[in-house]
Amino acid sequence: MPQKINLAVLGSTRGTDMQAVIDAIEKKQLNAEIKLVISNKQDAFILERAKNHNLNAVFLGPKGKSREEYDTELIQLIEKYKIDLILLIGYMKILSKEFVDKYKNKCLNIHPSLLPAFAGGMDRNVHEEVLKAGVKETGCTLHFITEEADKGPILLQKKVPVSEDETVDSLKEKVQKAEQDIILEGIRLFSAGKVRIEEDKVKILA
């Protein structure tokens, strides 16, 4: 089994995908530890979810702070722990250049579409756009962050069929299941040292 990997999670919503990571760790299917969960929203259920599993949950309030000031505090928090990989799970805040540069190739974001399709949106509005477009297939993308939102090197993608009677809620549920699969796979690949980034493209080593 790959060596143990220390994770930090940043989220602004319910943290449903984080639950899959917690479950895999508790079932010994993933050799990892979530050292820190941070949210910019005080009432985000992701913090409650973290506390329910005795994880270190921190609300970092953004009020009265510039993006740079906020991210400086964020970095200070993360640097208290030996974090190997940061996961953005429903994190609804644009990150500063300082943060992106500091954690280059060490911070993964999950996006609920097959990028570059339906980039730029968040959560339910992505699924709404997918249904409006009438496409037969959507999915999710796990990618490293860069200064440009949703444009970083892609680690993994998973396709999800769109059925005739699909709703935003039913599609979200299907896509979230796919998100959980590739988040776990991405963590495993990263911890096994099988991820290399060359010329802004991810190469997965055998």
Protein backbone atom coordinates (compact mmCIF):
# COMPACT_ATOMS: atom_id res chain seq x y z
CA MET A 1 0.00 0.00 0.00
CA PRO A 2 1.25 3.54 -0.76
CA GLN A 3 2.58 5.62 2.11
CA LYS A 4 0.07 7.51 4.23
CA ILE A 5 -0.95 10.86 2.81
CA ASN A 6 -2.05 13.90 4.82
CA LEU A 7 -5.02 15.77 3.39
CA ALA A 8 -6.58 19.19 3.89
CA VAL A 9 -10.10 19.86 2.60
CA LEU A 10 -11.53 23.27 1.69
CA GLY A 11 -15.29 23.44 1.21
CA SER A 12 -18.25 25.81 1.30
CA THR A 13 -21.20 23.42 1.06
CA ARG A 14 -22.27 20.04 2.44
CA GLY A 15 -19.06 18.11 1.83
CA THR A 16 -20.85 15.05 0.42
CA ASP A 17 -17.76 14.04 -1.56
CA MET A 18 -15.62 14.35 1.56
CA GLN A 19 -17.81 11.73 3.21
CA ALA A 20 -16.64 9.21 0.60
CA VAL A 21 -13.02 9.99 1.55
CA ILE A 22 -13.82 9.63 5.27
CA ASP A 23 -15.60 6.31 4.65
CA ALA A 24 -12.71 4.93 2.57
CA ILE A 25 -10.21 5.91 5.28
CA GLU A 26 -12.33 4.36 8.05
CA LYS A 27 -12.71 1.14 6.03
CA LYS A 28 -8.91 1.03 5.49
CA GLN A 29 -9.43 1.34 1.73
CA LEU A 30 -7.42 4.55 1.60
CA ASN A 31 -4.14 5.13 3.42
CA ALA A 32 -4.76 8.78 4.26
CA GLU A 33 -5.66 11.14 7.06
CA ILE A 34 -7.75 14.31 6.83
CA LYS A 35 -5.74 16.66 9.03
CA LEU A 36 -7.82 19.78 8.49
CA VAL A 37 -11.20 20.87 7.11
CA ILE A 38 -11.65 24.59 6.45
CA SER A 39 -14.74 26.49 5.31
CA ASN A 40 -15.38 30.13 4.48
CA LYS A 41 -19.05 29.59 5.45
CA GLN A 42 -19.83 29.27 9.15
CA ASP A 43 -23.00 27.24 8.58
CA ALA A 44 -21.56 24.92 5.91
CA PHE A 45 -22.46 21.33 6.74
CA ILE A 46 -18.97 20.23 5.74
CA LEU A 47 -17.78 21.56 9.15
CA GLU A 48 -20.49 19.60 10.97
CA ARG A 49 -19.60 16.52 8.95
CA ALA A 50 -15.95 16.92 9.95
CA LYS A 51 -16.84 17.31 13.64
CA ASN A 52 -19.05 14.20 13.47
CA HIS A 53 -15.90 12.25 12.59
CA ASN A 54 -13.65 14.02 15.12
CA LEU A 55 -11.78 15.90 12.41
CA ASN A 56 -10.20 19.30 12.90
CA ALA A 57 -12.87 21.69 11.54
CA VAL A 58 -12.13 25.40 11.15
CA PHE A 59 -14.33 28.28 10.04
CA LEU A 60 -12.18 31.03 8.55
CA GLY A 61 -14.35 34.10 8.07
CA PRO A 62 -13.73 36.24 4.98
CA LYS A 63 -15.49 39.40 6.21
CA GLY A 64 -13.43 42.55 5.81
CA LYS A 65 -10.48 40.73 4.20
CA SER A 66 -9.16 40.99 0.67
CA ARG A 67 -8.69 37.74 -1.24
CA GLU A 68 -4.95 38.00 -0.61
CA GLU A 69 -5.36 38.64 3.12
CA TYR A 70 -7.77 35.75 3.44
CA ASP A 71 -5.49 33.34 1.58
CA THR A 72 -2.49 34.41 3.66
CA GLU A 73 -4.43 33.27 6.76
CA LEU A 74 -5.50 30.12 4.92
CA ILE A 75 -1.88 29.27 4.11
CA GLN A 76 -0.84 29.89 7.71
CA LEU A 77 -3.49 27.43 8.88
CA ILE A 78 -2.51 24.76 6.36
CA GLU A 79 1.20 25.15 7.11
CA LYS A 80 0.62 24.11 10.74
CA TYR A 81 0.15 20.58 9.41
CA LYS A 82 2.29 18.48 7.12
CA ILE A 83 -0.21 18.49 4.28
CA ASP A 84 0.63 16.49 1.16
CA LEU A 85 -2.50 17.24 -0.86
CA ILE A 86 -5.33 19.79 -0.67
CA LEU A 87 -8.81 18.93 -1.93
CA LEU A 88 -11.28 21.61 -2.98
CA ILE A 89 -14.74 20.11 -2.49
CA GLY A 90 -17.48 22.61 -3.30
CA TYR A 91 -15.16 25.47 -2.37
CA MET A 92 -16.92 28.58 -3.63
CA LYS A 93 -14.12 31.07 -3.41
CA ILE A 94 -11.60 32.13 -6.03
CA LEU A 95 -8.05 31.51 -4.84
CA SER A 96 -5.27 34.10 -4.98
CA LYS A 97 -2.08 33.86 -7.01
CA GLU A 98 -0.14 33.41 -3.77
CA PHE A 99 -2.17 30.33 -2.83
CA VAL A 100 -2.07 28.83 -6.33
CA ASP A 101 1.71 29.32 -6.56
CA LYS A 102 2.31 27.98 -3.04
CA TYR A 103 0.42 24.74 -3.67
CA LYS A 104 1.13 24.23 -7.35
CA ASN A 105 0.53 20.58 -8.30
CA LYS A 106 -0.61 19.86 -4.72
CA CYS A 107 -4.19 21.12 -4.85
CA LEU A 108 -7.03 19.31 -6.63
CA ASN A 109 -10.48 20.66 -7.47
CA ILE A 110 -13.52 18.59 -8.37
CA HIS A 111 -15.79 20.10 -11.04
CA PRO A 112 -19.23 18.69 -11.95
CA SER A 113 -18.77 18.53 -15.73
CA LEU A 114 -16.40 17.14 -18.33
CA LEU A 115 -14.11 20.13 -18.65
CA PRO A 116 -13.62 22.20 -20.74
CA ALA A 117 -17.39 21.83 -21.24
CA PHE A 118 -19.54 23.82 -18.79
CA ALA A 119 -16.60 25.51 -17.10
CA GLY A 120 -17.03 28.50 -14.82
CA GLY A 121 -20.21 27.46 -13.04
CA MET A 122 -20.69 25.89 -9.64
CA ASP A 123 -22.85 23.13 -8.22
CA ARG A 124 -26.49 23.08 -9.37
CA ASN A 125 -26.12 25.74 -12.06
CA VAL A 126 -23.69 23.48 -13.95
CA HIS A 127 -26.30 20.69 -14.03
CA GLU A 128 -28.96 23.21 -15.10
CA GLU A 129 -26.78 24.27 -18.04
CA VAL A 130 -26.13 20.64 -18.99
CA LEU A 131 -29.88 19.93 -19.11
CA LYS A 132 -30.58 23.13 -21.03
CA ALA A 133 -27.96 22.17 -23.62
CA GLY A 134 -29.65 18.81 -24.18
CA VAL A 135 -26.40 16.84 -24.18
CA LYS A 136 -26.60 13.07 -23.77
CA GLU A 137 -23.50 12.80 -21.61
CA THR A 138 -21.90 14.78 -18.82
CA GLY A 139 -19.61 13.82 -15.94
CA CYS A 140 -16.98 15.28 -13.67
CA THR A 141 -13.36 16.37 -13.71
CA LEU A 142 -10.62 16.20 -11.08
CA HIS A 143 -7.96 18.75 -11.93
CA PHE A 144 -5.05 20.63 -10.42
CA ILE A 145 -5.74 24.30 -9.77
CA THR A 146 -4.18 27.17 -11.68
CA GLU A 147 -4.88 30.90 -11.64
CA GLU A 148 -7.50 30.39 -14.34
CA ALA A 149 -10.59 28.75 -12.89
CA ASP A 150 -11.39 25.27 -14.24
CA LYS A 151 -8.41 25.30 -16.62
CA GLY A 152 -5.75 23.41 -14.66
CA PRO A 153 -4.15 20.11 -15.72
CA ILE A 154 -6.76 17.33 -15.71
CA LEU A 155 -5.97 14.29 -13.58
CA LEU A 156 -9.13 12.23 -14.08
CA GLN A 157 -12.56 12.45 -15.67
CA LYS A 158 -15.59 10.18 -15.46
CA LYS A 159 -18.57 10.19 -17.80
CA VAL A 160 -22.20 10.06 -16.70
CA PRO A 161 -25.14 9.46 -19.09
CA VAL A 162 -27.98 12.00 -19.11
CA SER A 163 -31.36 10.24 -19.27
CA GLU A 164 -34.48 11.58 -20.98
CA ASP A 165 -36.31 12.35 -17.72
CA GLU A 166 -33.28 13.77 -15.90
CA THR A 167 -33.75 16.52 -13.31
CA VAL A 168 -31.11 18.75 -11.73
CA ASP A 169 -31.35 16.73 -8.51
CA SER A 170 -31.13 13.31 -10.16
CA LEU A 171 -28.21 14.42 -12.32
CA LYS A 172 -26.40 15.95 -9.36
CA GLU A 173 -26.72 12.67 -7.47
CA LYS A 174 -25.32 10.64 -10.38
CA VAL A 175 -22.45 13.06 -10.97
CA GLN A 176 -21.57 13.18 -7.25
CA LYS A 177 -21.17 9.40 -7.21
CA ALA A 178 -18.74 9.72 -10.13
CA GLU A 179 -16.96 12.59 -8.33
CA GLN A 180 -16.41 10.38 -5.29
CA ASP A 181 -14.96 7.60 -7.43
CA ILE A 182 -12.38 9.81 -9.11
CA ILE A 183 -11.47 11.73 -5.95
CA LEU A 184 -10.54 8.44 -4.26
CA GLU A 185 -8.69 7.23 -7.36
CA GLY A 186 -6.87 10.57 -7.63
CA ILE A 187 -5.72 10.43 -4.01
CA ARG A 188 -4.47 6.86 -4.52
CA LEU A 189 -2.53 7.80 -7.68
CA PHE A 190 -1.04 10.89 -6.03
CA SER A 191 0.01 9.02 -2.87
CA ALA A 192 1.56 6.24 -4.98
CA GLY A 193 3.73 8.82 -6.77
CA LYS A 194 2.14 8.00 -10.12
CA VAL A 195 1.17 11.56 -11.07
CA ARG A 196 3.54 13.71 -13.09
CA ILE A 197 2.76 17.06 -14.72
CA GLU A 198 4.60 17.90 -17.92
CA GLU A 199 3.82 20.99 -20.01
CA ASP A 200 0.54 21.55 -18.14
CA LYS A 201 -0.66 18.02 -18.86
CA VAL A 202 -0.97 15.17 -16.38
CA LYS A 203 0.89 11.98 -17.09
CA ILE A 204 -0.17 8.94 -15.04
CA LEU A 205 2.77 6.60 -14.57
CA ALA A 206 2.32 2.85 -14.77
